Amino acid sequence: PAPAGRLEYDEVKEYSFLEDLLVSRRVNLAYIVTLVCCTISIALAL
């Protein structure tokens, strides 16, 4: 056996524009473009 110790790791999550929008506090051009991309992506999925 290898040296003891609990196996731990950080889970890699899928990057989401929606979560960026929810935590963003500035409404600028990047925010608007992200909002448009997020909206049309969700709309296309539905």
ModelCIF file with pLDDT and N, C-alpha, C, O atoms, coordinates in Angstrom:
data_MODEL
#
_entry.id   MODEL 
#
_entity.id                         1 
_entity.type                       polymer 
_entity.pdbx_number_of_molecules   1 
#
_entity_poly.entity_id                      1 
_entity_poly.type                           'polypeptide(L)' 
_entity_poly.nstd_linkage                   no 
_entity_poly.nstd_monomer                   no 
_entity_poly.pdbx_seq_one_letter_code       PAPAGRLEYDEVKEYSFLEDLLVSRRVNLAYIVTLVCCTISIALAL 
_entity_poly.pdbx_seq_one_letter_code_can   PAPAGRLEYDEVKEYSFLEDLLVSRRVNLAYIVTLVCCTISIALAL 
_entity_poly.pdbx_strand_id                 A 
#
loop_
_entity_poly_seq.entity_id 
_entity_poly_seq.num 
_entity_poly_seq.mon_id 
_entity_poly_seq.hetero 
1 1  PRO n 
1 2  ALA n 
1 3  PRO n 
1 4  ALA n 
1 5  GLY n 
1 6  ARG n 
1 7  LEU n 
1 8  GLU n 
1 9  TYR n 
1 10 ASP n 
1 11 GLU n 
1 12 VAL n 
1 13 LYS n 
1 14 GLU n 
1 15 TYR n 
1 16 SER n 
1 17 PHE n 
1 18 LEU n 
1 19 GLU n 
1 20 ASP n 
1 21 LEU n 
1 22 LEU n 
1 23 VAL n 
1 24 SER n 
1 25 ARG n 
1 26 ARG n 
1 27 VAL n 
1 28 ASN n 
1 29 LEU n 
1 30 ALA n 
1 31 TYR n 
1 32 ILE n 
1 33 VAL n 
1 34 THR n 
1 35 LEU n 
1 36 VAL n 
1 37 CYS n 
1 38 CYS n 
1 39 THR n 
1 40 ILE n 
1 41 SER n 
1 42 ILE n 
1 43 ALA n 
1 44 LEU n 
1 45 ALA n 
1 46 LEU n 
#
_struct_asym.id          A 
_struct_asym.entity_id   1 
#
loop_
_ma_qa_metric.id 
_ma_qa_metric.mode 
_ma_qa_metric.name 
_ma_qa_metric.software_group_id 
_ma_qa_metric.type 
1 global pLDDT . pLDDT 
2 local  pLDDT . pLDDT 
#
_ma_qa_metric_global.metric_id      1 
_ma_qa_metric_global.metric_value   78.65 
_ma_qa_metric_global.model_id       1 
_ma_qa_metric_global.ordinal_id     1 
#
loop_
_ma_qa_metric_local.label_asym_id 
_ma_qa_metric_local.label_comp_id 
_ma_qa_metric_local.label_seq_id 
_ma_qa_metric_local.metric_id 
_ma_qa_metric_local.metric_value 
_ma_qa_metric_local.model_id 
_ma_qa_metric_local.ordinal_id 
A PRO 1  2 41.00 1 1  
A ALA 2  2 41.00 1 2  
A PRO 3  2 43.00 1 3  
A ALA 4  2 45.00 1 4  
A GLY 5  2 50.00 1 5  
A ARG 6  2 52.00 1 6  
A LEU 7  2 56.00 1 7  
A GLU 8  2 58.00 1 8  
A TYR 9  2 54.00 1 9  
A ASP 10 2 54.00 1 10 
A GLU 11 2 55.00 1 11 
A VAL 12 2 53.00 1 12 
A LYS 13 2 57.00 1 13 
A GLU 14 2 61.00 1 14 
A TYR 15 2 68.00 1 15 
A SER 16 2 85.00 1 16 
A PHE 17 2 89.00 1 17 
A LEU 18 2 90.00 1 18 
A GLU 19 2 89.00 1 19 
A ASP 20 2 88.00 1 20 
A LEU 21 2 90.00 1 21 
A LEU 22 2 89.00 1 22 
A VAL 23 2 88.00 1 23 
A SER 24 2 83.00 1 24 
A ARG 25 2 80.00 1 25 
A ARG 26 2 83.00 1 26 
A VAL 27 2 86.00 1 27 
A ASN 28 2 88.00 1 28 
A LEU 29 2 89.00 1 29 
A ALA 30 2 89.00 1 30 
A TYR 31 2 92.00 1 31 
A ILE 32 2 93.00 1 32 
A VAL 33 2 93.00 1 33 
A THR 34 2 94.00 1 34 
A LEU 35 2 95.00 1 35 
A VAL 36 2 95.00 1 36 
A CYS 37 2 95.00 1 37 
A CYS 38 2 96.00 1 38 
A THR 39 2 96.00 1 39 
A ILE 40 2 97.00 1 40 
A SER 41 2 96.00 1 41 
A ILE 42 2 96.00 1 42 
A ALA 43 2 97.00 1 43 
A LEU 44 2 97.00 1 44 
A ALA 45 2 96.00 1 45 
A LEU 46 2 96.00 1 46 
#
loop_
_atom_site.group_PDB 
_atom_site.id 
_atom_site.type_symbol 
_atom_site.label_atom_id 
_atom_site.label_alt_id 
_atom_site.label_comp_id 
_atom_site.label_asym_id 
_atom_site.label_entity_id 
_atom_site.label_seq_id 
_atom_site.pdbx_PDB_ins_code 
_atom_site.Cartn_x 
_atom_site.Cartn_y 
_atom_site.Cartn_z 
_atom_site.occupancy 
_atom_site.B_iso_or_equiv 
_atom_site.pdbx_formal_charge 
_atom_site.auth_seq_id 
_atom_site.auth_comp_id 
_atom_site.auth_asym_id 
_atom_site.auth_atom_id 
_atom_site.pdbx_PDB_model_num 
ATOM 1   N N  . PRO A 1 1  ? 0.799   -1.211 0.000   1.00 41.00 ? 1  PRO A N  1 
ATOM 2   C CA . PRO A 1 1  ? 0.000   0.000  0.000   1.00 41.00 ? 1  PRO A CA 1 
ATOM 3   C C  . PRO A 1 1  ? 0.835   1.266  0.000   1.00 41.00 ? 1  PRO A C  1 
ATOM 4   O O  . PRO A 1 1  ? 1.986   1.297  0.437   1.00 41.00 ? 1  PRO A O  1 
ATOM 5   N N  . ALA A 1 2  ? 0.195   2.310  -0.514  1.00 41.00 ? 2  ALA A N  1 
ATOM 6   C CA . ALA A 1 2  ? 0.813   3.632  -0.482  1.00 41.00 ? 2  ALA A CA 1 
ATOM 7   C C  . ALA A 1 2  ? 0.547   4.273  0.860   1.00 41.00 ? 2  ALA A C  1 
ATOM 8   O O  . ALA A 1 2  ? -0.271  3.767  1.628   1.00 41.00 ? 2  ALA A O  1 
ATOM 9   N N  . PRO A 1 3  ? 1.209   5.366  1.163   1.00 43.00 ? 3  PRO A N  1 
ATOM 10  C CA . PRO A 1 3  ? 1.003   6.038  2.435   1.00 43.00 ? 3  PRO A CA 1 
ATOM 11  C C  . PRO A 1 3  ? -0.452  6.393  2.660   1.00 43.00 ? 3  PRO A C  1 
ATOM 12  O O  . PRO A 1 3  ? -1.182  6.718  1.724   1.00 43.00 ? 3  PRO A O  1 
ATOM 13  N N  . ALA A 1 4  ? -0.864  6.325  3.927   1.00 45.00 ? 4  ALA A N  1 
ATOM 14  C CA . ALA A 1 4  ? -2.265  6.564  4.243   1.00 45.00 ? 4  ALA A CA 1 
ATOM 15  C C  . ALA A 1 4  ? -2.614  8.035  4.111   1.00 45.00 ? 4  ALA A C  1 
ATOM 16  O O  . ALA A 1 4  ? -1.741  8.900  4.046   1.00 45.00 ? 4  ALA A O  1 
ATOM 17  N N  . GLY A 1 5  ? -3.923  8.298  4.074   1.00 50.00 ? 5  GLY A N  1 
ATOM 18  C CA . GLY A 1 5  ? -4.442  9.656  3.925   1.00 50.00 ? 5  GLY A CA 1 
ATOM 19  C C  . GLY A 1 5  ? -5.712  9.611  3.118   1.00 50.00 ? 5  GLY A C  1 
ATOM 20  O O  . GLY A 1 5  ? -5.818  8.841  2.163   1.00 50.00 ? 5  GLY A O  1 
ATOM 21  N N  . ARG A 1 6  ? -6.663  10.415 3.484   1.00 52.00 ? 6  ARG A N  1 
ATOM 22  C CA . ARG A 1 6  ? -7.960  10.375 2.827   1.00 52.00 ? 6  ARG A CA 1 
ATOM 23  C C  . ARG A 1 6  ? -7.869  10.918 1.410   1.00 52.00 ? 6  ARG A C  1 
ATOM 24  O O  . ARG A 1 6  ? -7.266  11.968 1.186   1.00 52.00 ? 6  ARG A O  1 
ATOM 25  N N  . LEU A 1 7  ? -8.459  10.216 0.452   1.00 56.00 ? 7  LEU A N  1 
ATOM 26  C CA . LEU A 1 7  ? -8.473  10.685 -0.932  1.00 56.00 ? 7  LEU A CA 1 
ATOM 27  C C  . LEU A 1 7  ? -9.451  11.845 -1.071  1.00 56.00 ? 7  LEU A C  1 
ATOM 28  O O  . LEU A 1 7  ? -10.637 11.711 -0.771  1.00 56.00 ? 7  LEU A O  1 
ATOM 29  N N  . GLU A 1 8  ? -8.943  12.976 -1.527  1.00 58.00 ? 8  GLU A N  1 
ATOM 30  C CA . GLU A 1 8  ? -9.798  14.139 -1.733  1.00 58.00 ? 8  GLU A CA 1 
ATOM 31  C C  . GLU A 1 8  ? -9.469  14.742 -3.091  1.00 58.00 ? 8  GLU A C  1 
ATOM 32  O O  . GLU A 1 8  ? -8.334  14.653 -3.561  1.00 58.00 ? 8  GLU A O  1 
ATOM 33  N N  . TYR A 1 9  ? -10.457 15.351 -3.711  1.00 54.00 ? 9  TYR A N  1 
ATOM 34  C CA . TYR A 1 9  ? -10.225 16.046 -4.969  1.00 54.00 ? 9  TYR A CA 1 
ATOM 35  C C  . TYR A 1 9  ? -11.328 17.055 -5.187  1.00 54.00 ? 9  TYR A C  1 
ATOM 36  O O  . TYR A 1 9  ? -12.431 16.938 -4.654  1.00 54.00 ? 9  TYR A O  1 
ATOM 37  N N  . ASP A 1 10 ? -10.992 18.055 -5.994  1.00 54.00 ? 10 ASP A N  1 
ATOM 38  C CA . ASP A 1 10 ? -11.973 19.078 -6.339  1.00 54.00 ? 10 ASP A CA 1 
ATOM 39  C C  . ASP A 1 10 ? -12.680 18.663 -7.619  1.00 54.00 ? 10 ASP A C  1 
ATOM 40  O O  . ASP A 1 10 ? -12.052 18.303 -8.614  1.00 54.00 ? 10 ASP A O  1 
ATOM 41  N N  . GLU A 1 11 ? -13.996 18.724 -7.564  1.00 55.00 ? 11 GLU A N  1 
ATOM 42  C CA . GLU A 1 11 ? -14.775 18.341 -8.734  1.00 55.00 ? 11 GLU A CA 1 
ATOM 43  C C  . GLU A 1 11 ? -14.771 19.478 -9.750  1.00 55.00 ? 11 GLU A C  1 
ATOM 44  O O  . GLU A 1 11 ? -14.987 20.636 -9.393  1.00 55.00 ? 11 GLU A O  1 
ATOM 45  N N  . VAL A 1 12 ? -14.523 19.147 -11.016 1.00 53.00 ? 12 VAL A N  1 
ATOM 46  C CA . VAL A 1 12 ? -14.529 20.143 -12.085 1.00 53.00 ? 12 VAL A CA 1 
ATOM 47  C C  . VAL A 1 12 ? -15.940 20.261 -12.639 1.00 53.00 ? 12 VAL A C  1 
ATOM 48  O O  . VAL A 1 12 ? -16.508 19.288 -13.135 1.00 53.00 ? 12 VAL A O  1 
ATOM 49  N N  . LYS A 1 13 ? -16.498 21.459 -12.550 1.00 57.00 ? 13 LYS A N  1 
ATOM 50  C CA . LYS A 1 13 ? -17.863 21.661 -13.015 1.00 57.00 ? 13 LYS A CA 1 
ATOM 51  C C  . LYS A 1 13 ? -17.883 22.342 -14.379 1.00 57.00 ? 13 LYS A C  1 
ATOM 52  O O  . LYS A 1 13 ? -16.950 23.052 -14.756 1.00 57.00 ? 13 LYS A O  1 
ATOM 53  N N  . GLU A 1 14 ? -18.962 22.109 -15.099 1.00 61.00 ? 14 GLU A N  1 
ATOM 54  C CA . GLU A 1 14 ? -19.152 22.731 -16.405 1.00 61.00 ? 14 GLU A CA 1 
ATOM 55  C C  . GLU A 1 14 ? -19.295 24.240 -16.228 1.00 61.00 ? 14 GLU A C  1 
ATOM 56  O O  . GLU A 1 14 ? -20.076 24.710 -15.401 1.00 61.00 ? 14 GLU A O  1 
ATOM 57  N N  . TYR A 1 15 ? -18.535 24.982 -17.009 1.00 68.00 ? 15 TYR A N  1 
ATOM 58  C CA . TYR A 1 15 ? -18.583 26.439 -16.946 1.00 68.00 ? 15 TYR A CA 1 
ATOM 59  C C  . TYR A 1 15 ? -19.915 26.937 -17.487 1.00 68.00 ? 15 TYR A C  1 
ATOM 60  O O  . TYR A 1 15 ? -20.355 26.498 -18.550 1.00 68.00 ? 15 TYR A O  1 
ATOM 61  N N  . SER A 1 16 ? -20.573 27.862 -16.758 1.00 85.00 ? 16 SER A N  1 
ATOM 62  C CA . SER A 1 16 ? -21.903 28.322 -17.137 1.00 85.00 ? 16 SER A CA 1 
ATOM 63  C C  . SER A 1 16 ? -21.965 29.841 -17.199 1.00 85.00 ? 16 SER A C  1 
ATOM 64  O O  . SER A 1 16 ? -21.569 30.519 -16.252 1.00 85.00 ? 16 SER A O  1 
ATOM 65  N N  . PHE A 1 17 ? -22.462 30.376 -18.310 1.00 89.00 ? 17 PHE A N  1 
ATOM 66  C CA . PHE A 1 17 ? -22.689 31.811 -18.435 1.00 89.00 ? 17 PHE A CA 1 
ATOM 67  C C  . PHE A 1 17 ? -23.759 32.271 -17.451 1.00 89.00 ? 17 PHE A C  1 
ATOM 68  O O  . PHE A 1 17 ? -23.669 33.365 -16.893 1.00 89.00 ? 17 PHE A O  1 
ATOM 69  N N  . LEU A 1 18 ? -24.776 31.431 -17.241 1.00 90.00 ? 18 LEU A N  1 
ATOM 70  C CA . LEU A 1 18 ? -25.888 31.810 -16.377 1.00 90.00 ? 18 LEU A CA 1 
ATOM 71  C C  . LEU A 1 18 ? -25.404 32.115 -14.962 1.00 90.00 ? 18 LEU A C  1 
ATOM 72  O O  . LEU A 1 18 ? -25.817 33.111 -14.369 1.00 90.00 ? 18 LEU A O  1 
ATOM 73  N N  . GLU A 1 19 ? -24.545 31.279 -14.425 1.00 89.00 ? 19 GLU A N  1 
ATOM 74  C CA . GLU A 1 19 ? -24.031 31.501 -13.077 1.00 89.00 ? 19 GLU A CA 1 
ATOM 75  C C  . GLU A 1 19 ? -23.156 32.744 -13.018 1.00 89.00 ? 19 GLU A C  1 
ATOM 76  O O  . GLU A 1 19 ? -23.116 33.421 -11.991 1.00 89.00 ? 19 GLU A O  1 
ATOM 77  N N  . ASP A 1 20 ? -22.454 33.053 -14.107 1.00 88.00 ? 20 ASP A N  1 
ATOM 78  C CA . ASP A 1 20 ? -21.691 34.301 -14.178 1.00 88.00 ? 20 ASP A CA 1 
ATOM 79  C C  . ASP A 1 20 ? -22.615 35.508 -14.067 1.00 88.00 ? 20 ASP A C  1 
ATOM 80  O O  . ASP A 1 20 ? -22.321 36.472 -13.360 1.00 88.00 ? 20 ASP A O  1 
ATOM 81  N N  . LEU A 1 21 ? -23.733 35.438 -14.776 1.00 90.00 ? 21 LEU A N  1 
ATOM 82  C CA . LEU A 1 21 ? -24.685 36.550 -14.760 1.00 90.00 ? 21 LEU A CA 1 
ATOM 83  C C  . LEU A 1 21 ? -25.271 36.769 -13.368 1.00 90.00 ? 21 LEU A C  1 
ATOM 84  O O  . LEU A 1 21 ? -25.472 37.905 -12.939 1.00 90.00 ? 21 LEU A O  1 
ATOM 85  N N  . LEU A 1 22 ? -25.541 35.669 -12.673 1.00 89.00 ? 22 LEU A N  1 
ATOM 86  C CA . LEU A 1 22 ? -26.183 35.773 -11.368 1.00 89.00 ? 22 LEU A CA 1 
ATOM 87  C C  . LEU A 1 22 ? -25.267 36.384 -10.306 1.00 89.00 ? 22 LEU A C  1 
ATOM 88  O O  . LEU A 1 22 ? -25.749 36.989 -9.348  1.00 89.00 ? 22 LEU A O  1 
ATOM 89  N N  . VAL A 1 23 ? -23.953 36.231 -10.469 1.00 88.00 ? 23 VAL A N  1 
ATOM 90  C CA . VAL A 1 23 ? -23.018 36.782 -9.479  1.00 88.00 ? 23 VAL A CA 1 
ATOM 91  C C  . VAL A 1 23 ? -22.406 38.107 -9.923  1.00 88.00 ? 23 VAL A C  1 
ATOM 92  O O  . VAL A 1 23 ? -21.738 38.781 -9.139  1.00 88.00 ? 23 VAL A O  1 
ATOM 93  N N  . SER A 1 24 ? -22.638 38.481 -11.192 1.00 83.00 ? 24 SER A N  1 
ATOM 94  C CA . SER A 1 24 ? -22.052 39.721 -11.707 1.00 83.00 ? 24 SER A CA 1 
ATOM 95  C C  . SER A 1 24 ? -22.748 40.931 -11.088 1.00 83.00 ? 24 SER A C  1 
ATOM 96  O O  . SER A 1 24 ? -23.967 40.938 -10.916 1.00 83.00 ? 24 SER A O  1 
ATOM 97  N N  . ARG A 1 25 ? -21.963 41.950 -10.758 1.00 80.00 ? 25 ARG A N  1 
ATOM 98  C CA . ARG A 1 25 ? -22.523 43.172 -10.162 1.00 80.00 ? 25 ARG A CA 1 
ATOM 99  C C  . ARG A 1 25 ? -22.393 44.372 -11.081 1.00 80.00 ? 25 ARG A C  1 
ATOM 100 O O  . ARG A 1 25 ? -22.793 45.480 -10.723 1.00 80.00 ? 25 ARG A O  1 
ATOM 101 N N  . ARG A 1 26 ? -21.832 44.156 -12.267 1.00 83.00 ? 26 ARG A N  1 
ATOM 102 C CA . ARG A 1 26 ? -21.656 45.256 -13.211 1.00 83.00 ? 26 ARG A CA 1 
ATOM 103 C C  . ARG A 1 26 ? -22.396 44.957 -14.494 1.00 83.00 ? 26 ARG A C  1 
ATOM 104 O O  . ARG A 1 26 ? -22.269 43.871 -15.060 1.00 83.00 ? 26 ARG A O  1 
ATOM 105 N N  . VAL A 1 27 ? -23.176 45.932 -14.954 1.00 86.00 ? 27 VAL A N  1 
ATOM 106 C CA . VAL A 1 27 ? -23.877 45.798 -16.231 1.00 86.00 ? 27 VAL A CA 1 
ATOM 107 C C  . VAL A 1 27 ? -23.087 46.584 -17.267 1.00 86.00 ? 27 VAL A C  1 
ATOM 108 O O  . VAL A 1 27 ? -23.192 47.807 -17.353 1.00 86.00 ? 27 VAL A O  1 
ATOM 109 N N  . ASN A 1 28 ? -22.302 45.866 -18.044 1.00 88.00 ? 28 ASN A N  1 
ATOM 110 C CA . ASN A 1 28 ? -21.511 46.489 -19.097 1.00 88.00 ? 28 ASN A CA 1 
ATOM 111 C C  . ASN A 1 28 ? -21.712 45.713 -20.393 1.00 88.00 ? 28 ASN A C  1 
ATOM 112 O O  . ASN A 1 28 ? -22.607 44.874 -20.493 1.00 88.00 ? 28 ASN A O  1 
ATOM 113 N N  . LEU A 1 29 ? -20.868 46.002 -21.384 1.00 89.00 ? 29 LEU A N  1 
ATOM 114 C CA . LEU A 1 29 ? -21.028 45.355 -22.682 1.00 89.00 ? 29 LEU A CA 1 
ATOM 115 C C  . LEU A 1 29 ? -20.828 43.851 -22.591 1.00 89.00 ? 29 LEU A C  1 
ATOM 116 O O  . LEU A 1 29 ? -21.561 43.091 -23.223 1.00 89.00 ? 29 LEU A O  1 
ATOM 117 N N  . ALA A 1 30 ? -19.834 43.405 -21.805 1.00 89.00 ? 30 ALA A N  1 
ATOM 118 C CA . ALA A 1 30 ? -19.588 41.969 -21.634 1.00 89.00 ? 30 ALA A CA 1 
ATOM 119 C C  . ALA A 1 30 ? -20.795 41.296 -21.001 1.00 89.00 ? 30 ALA A C  1 
ATOM 120 O O  . ALA A 1 30 ? -21.156 40.179 -21.372 1.00 89.00 ? 30 ALA A O  1 
ATOM 121 N N  . TYR A 1 31 ? -21.426 41.982 -20.035 1.00 92.00 ? 31 TYR A N  1 
ATOM 122 C CA . TYR A 1 31 ? -22.627 41.437 -19.383 1.00 92.00 ? 31 TYR A CA 1 
ATOM 123 C C  . TYR A 1 31 ? -23.752 41.260 -20.394 1.00 92.00 ? 31 TYR A C  1 
ATOM 124 O O  . TYR A 1 31 ? -24.441 40.240 -20.394 1.00 92.00 ? 31 TYR A O  1 
ATOM 125 N N  . ILE A 1 32 ? -23.936 42.267 -21.262 1.00 93.00 ? 32 ILE A N  1 
ATOM 126 C CA . ILE A 1 32 ? -25.021 42.203 -22.258 1.00 93.00 ? 32 ILE A CA 1 
ATOM 127 C C  . ILE A 1 32 ? -24.780 41.056 -23.241 1.00 93.00 ? 32 ILE A C  1 
ATOM 128 O O  . ILE A 1 32 ? -25.704 40.312 -23.568 1.00 93.00 ? 32 ILE A O  1 
ATOM 129 N N  . VAL A 1 33 ? -23.524 40.913 -23.715 1.00 93.00 ? 33 VAL A N  1 
ATOM 130 C CA . VAL A 1 33 ? -23.209 39.833 -24.659 1.00 93.00 ? 33 VAL A CA 1 
ATOM 131 C C  . VAL A 1 33 ? -23.424 38.475 -23.987 1.00 93.00 ? 33 VAL A C  1 
ATOM 132 O O  . VAL A 1 33 ? -23.978 37.557 -24.591 1.00 93.00 ? 33 VAL A O  1 
ATOM 133 N N  . THR A 1 34 ? -22.977 38.357 -22.727 1.00 94.00 ? 34 THR A N  1 
ATOM 134 C CA . THR A 1 34 ? -23.181 37.106 -21.984 1.00 94.00 ? 34 THR A CA 1 
ATOM 135 C C  . THR A 1 34 ? -24.666 36.813 -21.822 1.00 94.00 ? 34 THR A C  1 
ATOM 136 O O  . THR A 1 34 ? -25.095 35.669 -21.972 1.00 94.00 ? 34 THR A O  1 
ATOM 137 N N  . LEU A 1 35 ? -25.444 37.833 -21.521 1.00 95.00 ? 35 LEU A N  1 
ATOM 138 C CA . LEU A 1 35 ? -26.894 37.669 -21.356 1.00 95.00 ? 35 LEU A CA 1 
ATOM 139 C C  . LEU A 1 35 ? -27.544 37.197 -22.652 1.00 95.00 ? 35 LEU A C  1 
ATOM 140 O O  . LEU A 1 35 ? -28.401 36.314 -22.638 1.00 95.00 ? 35 LEU A O  1 
ATOM 141 N N  . VAL A 1 36 ? -27.132 37.790 -23.769 1.00 95.00 ? 36 VAL A N  1 
ATOM 142 C CA . VAL A 1 36 ? -27.688 37.383 -25.070 1.00 95.00 ? 36 VAL A CA 1 
ATOM 143 C C  . VAL A 1 36 ? -27.337 35.928 -25.368 1.00 95.00 ? 36 VAL A C  1 
ATOM 144 O O  . VAL A 1 36 ? -28.200 35.147 -25.769 1.00 95.00 ? 36 VAL A O  1 
ATOM 145 N N  . CYS A 1 37 ? -26.056 35.562 -25.169 1.00 95.00 ? 37 CYS A N  1 
ATOM 146 C CA . CYS A 1 37 ? -25.621 34.183 -25.438 1.00 95.00 ? 37 CYS A CA 1 
ATOM 147 C C  . CYS A 1 37 ? -26.369 33.195 -24.546 1.00 95.00 ? 37 CYS A C  1 
ATOM 148 O O  . CYS A 1 37 ? -26.808 32.140 -25.004 1.00 95.00 ? 37 CYS A O  1 
ATOM 149 N N  . CYS A 1 38 ? -26.506 33.547 -23.274 1.00 96.00 ? 38 CYS A N  1 
ATOM 150 C CA . CYS A 1 38 ? -27.190 32.681 -22.320 1.00 96.00 ? 38 CYS A CA 1 
ATOM 151 C C  . CYS A 1 38 ? -28.658 32.511 -22.700 1.00 96.00 ? 38 CYS A C  1 
ATOM 152 O O  . CYS A 1 38 ? -29.190 31.401 -22.666 1.00 96.00 ? 38 CYS A O  1 
ATOM 153 N N  . THR A 1 39 ? -29.306 33.609 -23.059 1.00 96.00 ? 39 THR A N  1 
ATOM 154 C CA . THR A 1 39 ? -30.738 33.572 -23.385 1.00 96.00 ? 39 THR A CA 1 
ATOM 155 C C  . THR A 1 39 ? -31.018 32.730 -24.614 1.00 96.00 ? 39 THR A C  1 
ATOM 156 O O  . THR A 1 39 ? -31.906 31.878 -24.601 1.00 96.00 ? 39 THR A O  1 
ATOM 157 N N  . ILE A 1 40 ? -30.255 32.968 -25.684 1.00 97.00 ? 40 ILE A N  1 
ATOM 158 C CA . ILE A 1 40 ? -30.542 32.223 -26.913 1.00 97.00 ? 40 ILE A CA 1 
ATOM 159 C C  . ILE A 1 40 ? -30.142 30.753 -26.777 1.00 97.00 ? 40 ILE A C  1 
ATOM 160 O O  . ILE A 1 40 ? -30.724 29.888 -27.433 1.00 97.00 ? 40 ILE A O  1 
ATOM 161 N N  . SER A 1 41 ? -29.147 30.466 -25.924 1.00 96.00 ? 41 SER A N  1 
ATOM 162 C CA . SER A 1 41 ? -28.763 29.063 -25.699 1.00 96.00 ? 41 SER A CA 1 
ATOM 163 C C  . SER A 1 41 ? -29.877 28.308 -24.982 1.00 96.00 ? 41 SER A C  1 
ATOM 164 O O  . SER A 1 41 ? -30.261 27.216 -25.399 1.00 96.00 ? 41 SER A O  1 
ATOM 165 N N  . ILE A 1 42 ? -30.391 28.888 -23.909 1.00 96.00 ? 42 ILE A N  1 
ATOM 166 C CA . ILE A 1 42 ? -31.474 28.244 -23.159 1.00 96.00 ? 42 ILE A CA 1 
ATOM 167 C C  . ILE A 1 42 ? -32.728 28.141 -24.020 1.00 96.00 ? 42 ILE A C  1 
ATOM 168 O O  . ILE A 1 42 ? -33.427 27.128 -23.993 1.00 96.00 ? 42 ILE A O  1 
ATOM 169 N N  . ALA A 1 43 ? -33.009 29.204 -24.792 1.00 97.00 ? 43 ALA A N  1 
ATOM 170 C CA . ALA A 1 43 ? -34.181 29.187 -25.669 1.00 97.00 ? 43 ALA A CA 1 
ATOM 171 C C  . ALA A 1 43 ? -34.069 28.077 -26.712 1.00 97.00 ? 43 ALA A C  1 
ATOM 172 O O  . ALA A 1 43 ? -35.052 27.398 -27.007 1.00 97.00 ? 43 ALA A O  1 
ATOM 173 N N  . LEU A 1 44 ? -32.869 27.893 -27.270 1.00 97.00 ? 44 LEU A N  1 
ATOM 174 C CA . LEU A 1 44 ? -32.696 26.842 -28.277 1.00 97.00 ? 44 LEU A CA 1 
ATOM 175 C C  . LEU A 1 44 ? -32.850 25.463 -27.649 1.00 97.00 ? 44 LEU A C  1 
ATOM 176 O O  . LEU A 1 44 ? -33.440 24.572 -28.262 1.00 97.00 ? 44 LEU A O  1 
ATOM 177 N N  . ALA A 1 45 ? -32.331 25.269 -26.436 1.00 96.00 ? 45 ALA A N  1 
ATOM 178 C CA . ALA A 1 45 ? -32.493 23.981 -25.751 1.00 96.00 ? 45 ALA A CA 1 
ATOM 179 C C  . ALA A 1 45 ? -33.967 23.670 -25.526 1.00 96.00 ? 45 ALA A C  1 
ATOM 180 O O  . ALA A 1 45 ? -34.409 22.547 -25.770 1.00 96.00 ? 45 ALA A O  1 
ATOM 181 N N  . LEU A 1 46 ? -34.726 24.655 -25.062 1.00 96.00 ? 46 LEU A N  1 
ATOM 182 C CA . LEU A 1 46 ? -36.162 24.451 -24.839 1.00 96.00 ? 46 LEU A CA 1 
ATOM 183 C C  . LEU A 1 46 ? -36.887 24.200 -26.160 1.00 96.00 ? 46 LEU A C  1 
ATOM 184 O O  . LEU A 1 46 ? -38.103 24.007 -26.170 1.00 96.00 ? 46 LEU A O  1 
#
